[in-house]
Each structure stands twice: as structure tokens, then as C-alpha cells.
Amino acid sequence: MNGFNLEWRDEYLLGIDELDFEHKDLFRRLNELHEELVQDNDKERVSGSLGGIYARLDAHFALEENYMREKKYAGYEQHKKQHDNFLDELREVSDKLLSSGIDIEERNVLESKLQGWVLNHFTTTDRDLPLDDEDD
């Protein structure tokens, strides 16, 4: 995808160290996946990378959801639903990409979905999370 560019900016920081660290790491991993998709059509290797991204997101979402429960965050259910829905969508587009033999159109759909969702979620939904120093 020509327009794929996940560049970390400090404006994405939430002020929650453990989540900010993971968000930065996710940007790095998604950019690595992009490079792999552009340079390598090895289905097995791409499948492993996509599985790693999925597992990393799943673990990150679990950490974020635990944080929300600890803070008794009122928006927990809706936020968790967004996580669950995105993992389902990611699985679906990943499966389509792999079954297509790493077709460029399916690659573009996957990368667009990843980039759009991550940027939107980090800059909107995650902004509503309570900070560590806010009352529980």
C-alpha cells in the first residue's frame, strides 16, 4: 500500500506509561509487517507475522482492559467491544489475505484497516481512559 505510514508522534501519548510503551511497540510491529508484505510473498512467514500481530494486540487489549477495570472506567464495556470487534475483523481480513496468496488488493485492505483503526482508536477512544493519577 503506497500510503501506509505509521509514524509515532508524541501527540499519541496517553500519559499511561505501560499503554504508551505498548502503543509505540505496536507501531513498530505494524511497520515491520508492512515491509514484510511489500518484500516477501512467503505465505508461511506472513502468516506467522500476522499471527504475532494478532497475539500482541490480544495481549495489549487484555492489559488495557485490566487497567480499565482497575480504574472502574465507566466506558469499559463499549471499549472492550471495540477491541473484540477489531480482533474479529483483523482475523477475517488476515484470512482473506492469506487465502488470496498475498494479493495486493487484500494486502491494501488489511493495511488500511490496521492503520485506520489503530490511529483512530489511539487518538479518540483511548484518550478517554483515566490517567494513573486520577482517582479510582
C-alpha atoms as a PDB file:
ATOM      1  CA  MET A   1       0.000   0.000   0.000  1.00  0.00           C
ATOM      2  CA  ASN A   2       1.592   3.204  -1.093  1.00  0.00           C
ATOM      3  CA  GLY A   3       0.050   5.318   1.675  1.00  0.00           C
ATOM      4  CA  PHE A   4       0.997   3.062   4.580  1.00  0.00           C
ATOM      5  CA  ASN A   5       2.999   5.050   7.077  1.00  0.00           C
ATOM      6  CA  LEU A   6       2.579   4.606  10.791  1.00  0.00           C
ATOM      7  CA  GLU A   7       4.907   7.162  12.264  1.00  0.00           C
ATOM      8  CA  TRP A   8       4.855   7.512  16.040  1.00  0.00           C
ATOM      9  CA  ARG A   9       4.204  11.020  17.308  1.00  0.00           C
ATOM     10  CA  ASP A  10       4.292  12.209  20.885  1.00  0.00           C
ATOM     11  CA  GLU A  11       0.763  13.540  20.447  1.00  0.00           C
ATOM     12  CA  TYR A  12      -0.339   9.881  20.613  1.00  0.00           C
ATOM     13  CA  LEU A  13       0.931   9.586  24.194  1.00  0.00           C
ATOM     14  CA  LEU A  14      -1.826   8.954  26.712  1.00  0.00           C
ATOM     15  CA  GLY A  15       0.199   9.617  29.846  1.00  0.00           C
ATOM     16  CA  ILE A  16      -0.174   5.977  30.909  1.00  0.00           C
ATOM     17  CA  ASP A  17       3.353   4.588  30.667  1.00  0.00           C
ATOM     18  CA  GLU A  18       2.595   0.904  30.171  1.00  0.00           C
ATOM     19  CA  LEU A  19      -0.001   1.592  27.473  1.00  0.00           C
ATOM     20  CA  ASP A  20       2.148   4.221  25.742  1.00  0.00           C
ATOM     21  CA  PHE A  21       5.039   1.735  25.606  1.00  0.00           C
ATOM     22  CA  GLU A  22       2.802  -0.892  24.036  1.00  0.00           C
ATOM     23  CA  HIS A  23       1.303   1.559  21.560  1.00  0.00           C
ATOM     24  CA  LYS A  24       4.788   2.542  20.357  1.00  0.00           C
ATOM     25  CA  ASP A  25       5.732  -1.122  20.063  1.00  0.00           C
ATOM     26  CA  LEU A  26       2.597  -1.808  18.043  1.00  0.00           C
ATOM     27  CA  PHE A  27       3.533   0.953  15.579  1.00  0.00           C
ATOM     28  CA  ARG A  28       6.950  -0.654  15.155  1.00  0.00           C
ATOM     29  CA  ARG A  29       5.463  -4.111  14.614  1.00  0.00           C
ATOM     30  CA  LEU A  30       2.916  -2.883  12.082  1.00  0.00           C
ATOM     31  CA  ASN A  31       5.621  -1.116  10.103  1.00  0.00           C
ATOM     32  CA  GLU A  32       7.695  -4.319  10.140  1.00  0.00           C
ATOM     33  CA  LEU A  33       4.662  -6.235   8.876  1.00  0.00           C
ATOM     34  CA  HIS A  34       4.242  -3.689   6.080  1.00  0.00           C
ATOM     35  CA  GLU A  35       7.870  -4.135   4.994  1.00  0.00           C
ATOM     36  CA  GLU A  36       7.452  -7.890   5.053  1.00  0.00           C
ATOM     37  CA  LEU A  37       4.278  -7.746   2.980  1.00  0.00           C
ATOM     38  CA  VAL A  38       5.932  -5.497   0.403  1.00  0.00           C
ATOM     39  CA  GLN A  39       9.155  -7.507   0.166  1.00  0.00           C
ATOM     40  CA  ASP A  40       8.084 -11.065   0.837  1.00  0.00           C
ATOM     41  CA  ASN A  41       5.189 -13.100  -0.506  1.00  0.00           C
ATOM     42  CA  ASP A  42       6.122 -16.147   1.566  1.00  0.00           C
ATOM     43  CA  LYS A  43       2.702 -17.160   2.836  1.00  0.00           C
ATOM     44  CA  GLU A  44       4.025 -19.083   5.832  1.00  0.00           C
ATOM     45  CA  ARG A  45       6.212 -16.215   7.006  1.00  0.00           C
ATOM     46  CA  VAL A  46       3.461 -13.613   6.530  1.00  0.00           C
ATOM     47  CA  SER A  47       1.026 -15.912   8.340  1.00  0.00           C
ATOM     48  CA  GLY A  48       3.445 -16.106  11.274  1.00  0.00           C
ATOM     49  CA  SER A  49       3.805 -12.326  11.349  1.00  0.00           C
ATOM     50  CA  LEU A  50       0.053 -11.800  11.219  1.00  0.00           C
ATOM     51  CA  GLY A  51      -0.386 -14.346  13.997  1.00  0.00           C
ATOM     52  CA  GLY A  52       2.198 -12.464  16.041  1.00  0.00           C
ATOM     53  CA  ILE A  53       0.428  -9.133  15.473  1.00  0.00           C
ATOM     54  CA  TYR A  54      -2.899 -10.698  16.445  1.00  0.00           C
ATOM     55  CA  ALA A  55      -1.437 -12.231  19.609  1.00  0.00           C
ATOM     56  CA  ARG A  56       0.271  -8.949  20.520  1.00  0.00           C
ATOM     57  CA  LEU A  57      -2.958  -6.992  20.037  1.00  0.00           C
ATOM     58  CA  ASP A  58      -4.903  -9.546  22.049  1.00  0.00           C
ATOM     59  CA  ALA A  59      -2.383  -9.276  24.916  1.00  0.00           C
ATOM     60  CA  HIS A  60      -2.344  -5.484  24.687  1.00  0.00           C
ATOM     61  CA  PHE A  61      -6.123  -5.313  24.779  1.00  0.00           C
ATOM     62  CA  ALA A  62      -6.143  -7.576  27.841  1.00  0.00           C
ATOM     63  CA  LEU A  63      -3.689  -5.211  29.587  1.00  0.00           C
ATOM     64  CA  GLU A  64      -5.752  -2.167  28.615  1.00  0.00           C
ATOM     65  CA  GLU A  65      -8.979  -3.836  29.738  1.00  0.00           C
ATOM     66  CA  ASN A  66      -7.427  -4.807  33.065  1.00  0.00           C
ATOM     67  CA  TYR A  67      -6.332  -1.197  33.517  1.00  0.00           C
ATOM     68  CA  MET A  68      -9.887  -0.020  32.804  1.00  0.00           C
ATOM     69  CA  ARG A  69     -11.339  -2.483  35.333  1.00  0.00           C
ATOM     70  CA  GLU A  70      -8.832  -1.380  37.977  1.00  0.00           C
ATOM     71  CA  LYS A  71      -9.829   2.249  37.368  1.00  0.00           C
ATOM     72  CA  LYS A  72     -13.531   1.307  37.345  1.00  0.00           C
ATOM     73  CA  TYR A  73     -13.768   3.023  33.970  1.00  0.00           C
ATOM     74  CA  ALA A  74     -17.415   3.658  33.065  1.00  0.00           C
ATOM     75  CA  GLY A  75     -16.753   3.124  29.339  1.00  0.00           C
ATOM     76  CA  TYR A  76     -15.234  -0.328  29.836  1.00  0.00           C
ATOM     77  CA  GLU A  77     -17.940  -2.406  28.127  1.00  0.00           C
ATOM     78  CA  GLN A  78     -18.050  -0.277  24.979  1.00  0.00           C
ATOM     79  CA  HIS A  79     -14.250  -0.045  24.810  1.00  0.00           C
ATOM     80  CA  LYS A  80     -13.890  -3.809  25.204  1.00  0.00           C
ATOM     81  CA  LYS A  81     -16.488  -4.349  22.490  1.00  0.00           C
ATOM     82  CA  GLN A  82     -14.374  -2.236  20.117  1.00  0.00           C
ATOM     83  CA  HIS A  83     -11.354  -4.413  20.919  1.00  0.00           C
ATOM     84  CA  ASP A  84     -13.296  -7.634  20.362  1.00  0.00           C
ATOM     85  CA  ASN A  85     -14.813  -6.405  17.099  1.00  0.00           C
ATOM     86  CA  PHE A  86     -11.443  -5.294  15.783  1.00  0.00           C
ATOM     87  CA  LEU A  87      -9.824  -8.657  16.560  1.00  0.00           C
ATOM     88  CA  ASP A  88     -12.661 -10.357  14.665  1.00  0.00           C
ATOM     89  CA  GLU A  89     -12.189  -8.008  11.688  1.00  0.00           C
ATOM     90  CA  LEU A  90      -8.426  -8.491  11.758  1.00  0.00           C
ATOM     91  CA  ARG A  91      -8.820 -12.279  11.716  1.00  0.00           C
ATOM     92  CA  GLU A  92     -11.222 -12.030   8.780  1.00  0.00           C
ATOM     93  CA  VAL A  93      -9.065  -9.753   6.603  1.00  0.00           C
ATOM     94  CA  SER A  94      -5.922 -11.722   7.507  1.00  0.00           C
ATOM     95  CA  ASP A  95      -7.590 -14.960   6.433  1.00  0.00           C
ATOM     96  CA  LYS A  96      -8.682 -13.353   3.150  1.00  0.00           C
ATOM     97  CA  LEU A  97      -5.158 -12.076   2.524  1.00  0.00           C
ATOM     98  CA  LEU A  98      -3.602 -15.477   3.134  1.00  0.00           C
ATOM     99  CA  SER A  99      -6.189 -17.326   1.071  1.00  0.00           C
ATOM    100  CA  SER A 100      -5.609 -14.880  -1.795  1.00  0.00           C
ATOM    101  CA  GLY A 101      -1.915 -15.759  -1.957  1.00  0.00           C
ATOM    102  CA  ILE A 102      -0.936 -12.286  -0.648  1.00  0.00           C
ATOM    103  CA  ASP A 103      -2.914 -10.469  -3.308  1.00  0.00           C
ATOM    104  CA  ILE A 104      -2.034  -6.761  -3.432  1.00  0.00           C
ATOM    105  CA  GLU A 105      -5.671  -5.682  -3.097  1.00  0.00           C
ATOM    106  CA  GLU A 106      -6.165  -7.826   0.000  1.00  0.00           C
ATOM    107  CA  ARG A 107      -2.870  -6.525   1.400  1.00  0.00           C
ATOM    108  CA  ASN A 108      -4.126  -2.966   0.903  1.00  0.00           C
ATOM    109  CA  VAL A 109      -7.400  -3.780   2.675  1.00  0.00           C
ATOM    110  CA  LEU A 110      -5.507  -5.268   5.626  1.00  0.00           C
ATOM    111  CA  GLU A 111      -3.061  -2.380   5.924  1.00  0.00           C
ATOM    112  CA  SER A 112      -5.772   0.230   5.547  1.00  0.00           C
ATOM    113  CA  LYS A 113      -7.842  -1.409   8.263  1.00  0.00           C
ATOM    114  CA  LEU A 114      -4.850  -1.697  10.609  1.00  0.00           C
ATOM    115  CA  GLN A 115      -3.650   1.855  10.078  1.00  0.00           C
ATOM    116  CA  GLY A 116      -7.094   3.422  10.233  1.00  0.00           C
ATOM    117  CA  TRP A 117      -8.249   1.553  13.290  1.00  0.00           C
ATOM    118  CA  VAL A 118      -5.050   1.996  15.283  1.00  0.00           C
ATOM    119  CA  LEU A 119      -4.791   5.724  14.609  1.00  0.00           C
ATOM    120  CA  ASN A 120      -8.472   6.327  15.275  1.00  0.00           C
ATOM    121  CA  HIS A 121      -8.592   4.212  18.428  1.00  0.00           C
ATOM    122  CA  PHE A 122      -5.411   5.666  19.944  1.00  0.00           C
ATOM    123  CA  THR A 123      -6.374   9.256  19.213  1.00  0.00           C
ATOM    124  CA  THR A 124     -10.041   9.078  20.202  1.00  0.00           C
ATOM    125  CA  THR A 125     -11.257   6.140  22.289  1.00  0.00           C
ATOM    126  CA  ASP A 126      -8.055   5.644  24.292  1.00  0.00           C
ATOM    127  CA  ARG A 127      -7.962   9.381  25.068  1.00  0.00           C
ATOM    128  CA  ASP A 128     -10.948   8.864  27.369  1.00  0.00           C
ATOM    129  CA  LEU A 129      -9.068   6.477  29.662  1.00  0.00           C
ATOM    130  CA  PRO A 130      -8.440   7.800  33.165  1.00  0.00           C
ATOM    131  CA  LEU A 131      -4.807   8.646  33.955  1.00  0.00           C
ATOM    132  CA  ASP A 132      -2.862   6.813  36.656  1.00  0.00           C
ATOM    133  CA  ASP A 133      -3.021   9.791  38.999  1.00  0.00           C
ATOM    134  CA  GLU A 134      -6.793  10.257  38.647  1.00  0.00           C
ATOM    135  CA  ASP A 135      -8.973   8.970  41.438  1.00  0.00           C
ATOM    136  CA  ASP A 136     -10.255   5.406  41.064  1.00  0.00           C
END
